[in-house]
Amino acid sequence: MPTKHTVTITSMGSSSIIVLPKPVVDGFNLTKGNRLEMIVKDDGIYIPLGQGKSKI
């Protein structure tokens, strides 16, 4: 079932950072340094991940 999370956009130096909620990070086994694909469409931003494992 889809869930909705509110995320925070913050900055570090000249970069913007999206902070993901811990349940999302844990649910997809993400760790510091993982790289994710981001797809930008007219109707939103998508980060496609497989169920339970990330596409890294």
C-alpha atoms as a PDB file:
ATOM      1  CA  MET A   1       0.000   0.000   0.000  1.00  0.00           C
ATOM      2  CA  PRO A   2       1.421   3.432  -0.867  1.00  0.00           C
ATOM      3  CA  THR A   3       2.359   5.658   2.029  1.00  0.00           C
ATOM      4  CA  LYS A   4       2.921   9.384   2.151  1.00  0.00           C
ATOM      5  CA  HIS A   5       5.854  10.982   3.974  1.00  0.00           C
ATOM      6  CA  THR A   6       6.788  14.605   4.394  1.00  0.00           C
ATOM      7  CA  VAL A   7      10.470  15.222   3.701  1.00  0.00           C
ATOM      8  CA  THR A   8      12.718  18.158   4.501  1.00  0.00           C
ATOM      9  CA  ILE A   9      14.891  20.010   2.019  1.00  0.00           C
ATOM     10  CA  THR A  10      17.981  21.477   3.656  1.00  0.00           C
ATOM     11  CA  SER A  11      21.324  22.677   2.398  1.00  0.00           C
ATOM     12  CA  MET A  12      24.986  21.850   2.837  1.00  0.00           C
ATOM     13  CA  GLY A  13      27.362  24.278   1.193  1.00  0.00           C
ATOM     14  CA  SER A  14      26.032  24.975  -2.290  1.00  0.00           C
ATOM     15  CA  SER A  15      24.029  21.707  -2.465  1.00  0.00           C
ATOM     16  CA  SER A  16      20.403  20.989  -1.548  1.00  0.00           C
ATOM     17  CA  ILE A  17      19.667  17.810   0.400  1.00  0.00           C
ATOM     18  CA  ILE A  18      16.416  15.834   0.722  1.00  0.00           C
ATOM     19  CA  VAL A  19      16.169  14.118   4.104  1.00  0.00           C
ATOM     20  CA  LEU A  20      14.405  10.744   3.844  1.00  0.00           C
ATOM     21  CA  PRO A  21      12.402   9.340   6.772  1.00  0.00           C
ATOM     22  CA  LYS A  22      14.116   6.484   8.663  1.00  0.00           C
ATOM     23  CA  PRO A  23      11.363   3.928   7.813  1.00  0.00           C
ATOM     24  CA  VAL A  24      12.006   4.559   4.095  1.00  0.00           C
ATOM     25  CA  VAL A  25      15.783   4.243   4.487  1.00  0.00           C
ATOM     26  CA  ASP A  26      15.439   1.043   6.532  1.00  0.00           C
ATOM     27  CA  GLY A  27      12.714  -0.441   4.304  1.00  0.00           C
ATOM     28  CA  PHE A  28      14.893  -0.186   1.203  1.00  0.00           C
ATOM     29  CA  ASN A  29      18.182  -1.063   2.952  1.00  0.00           C
ATOM     30  CA  LEU A  30      19.718   2.284   2.039  1.00  0.00           C
ATOM     31  CA  THR A  31      22.991   3.334   3.622  1.00  0.00           C
ATOM     32  CA  LYS A  32      25.165   6.433   3.594  1.00  0.00           C
ATOM     33  CA  GLY A  33      26.861   6.812   0.226  1.00  0.00           C
ATOM     34  CA  ASN A  34      24.212   4.944  -1.821  1.00  0.00           C
ATOM     35  CA  ARG A  35      23.371   6.619  -5.104  1.00  0.00           C
ATOM     36  CA  LEU A  36      19.751   6.717  -6.301  1.00  0.00           C
ATOM     37  CA  GLU A  37      18.216   7.511  -9.670  1.00  0.00           C
ATOM     38  CA  MET A  38      15.802  10.430  -9.639  1.00  0.00           C
ATOM     39  CA  ILE A  39      13.257  10.883 -12.418  1.00  0.00           C
ATOM     40  CA  VAL A  40      11.745  14.340 -12.832  1.00  0.00           C
ATOM     41  CA  LYS A  41       8.406  14.567 -14.680  1.00  0.00           C
ATOM     42  CA  ASP A  42       5.889  17.366 -15.104  1.00  0.00           C
ATOM     43  CA  ASP A  43       3.774  15.883 -12.307  1.00  0.00           C
ATOM     44  CA  GLY A  44       6.479  15.087  -9.745  1.00  0.00           C
ATOM     45  CA  ILE A  45       9.817  13.657  -8.720  1.00  0.00           C
ATOM     46  CA  TYR A  46      10.218   9.876  -8.554  1.00  0.00           C
ATOM     47  CA  ILE A  47      12.932   7.676  -7.053  1.00  0.00           C
ATOM     48  CA  PRO A  48      12.279   4.168  -8.406  1.00  0.00           C
ATOM     49  CA  LEU A  49      13.375   1.428  -5.998  1.00  0.00           C
ATOM     50  CA  GLY A  50      12.659  -2.286  -6.005  1.00  0.00           C
ATOM     51  CA  GLN A  51      10.682  -3.740  -3.103  1.00  0.00           C
ATOM     52  CA  GLY A  52      13.132  -4.236  -0.220  1.00  0.00           C
ATOM     53  CA  LYS A  53      16.315  -3.432  -2.148  1.00  0.00           C
ATOM     54  CA  SER A  54      17.639  -0.358  -3.865  1.00  0.00           C
ATOM     55  CA  LYS A  55      18.758  -0.027  -7.478  1.00  0.00           C
ATOM     56  CA  ILE A  56      22.346   0.998  -6.869  1.00  0.00           C
END
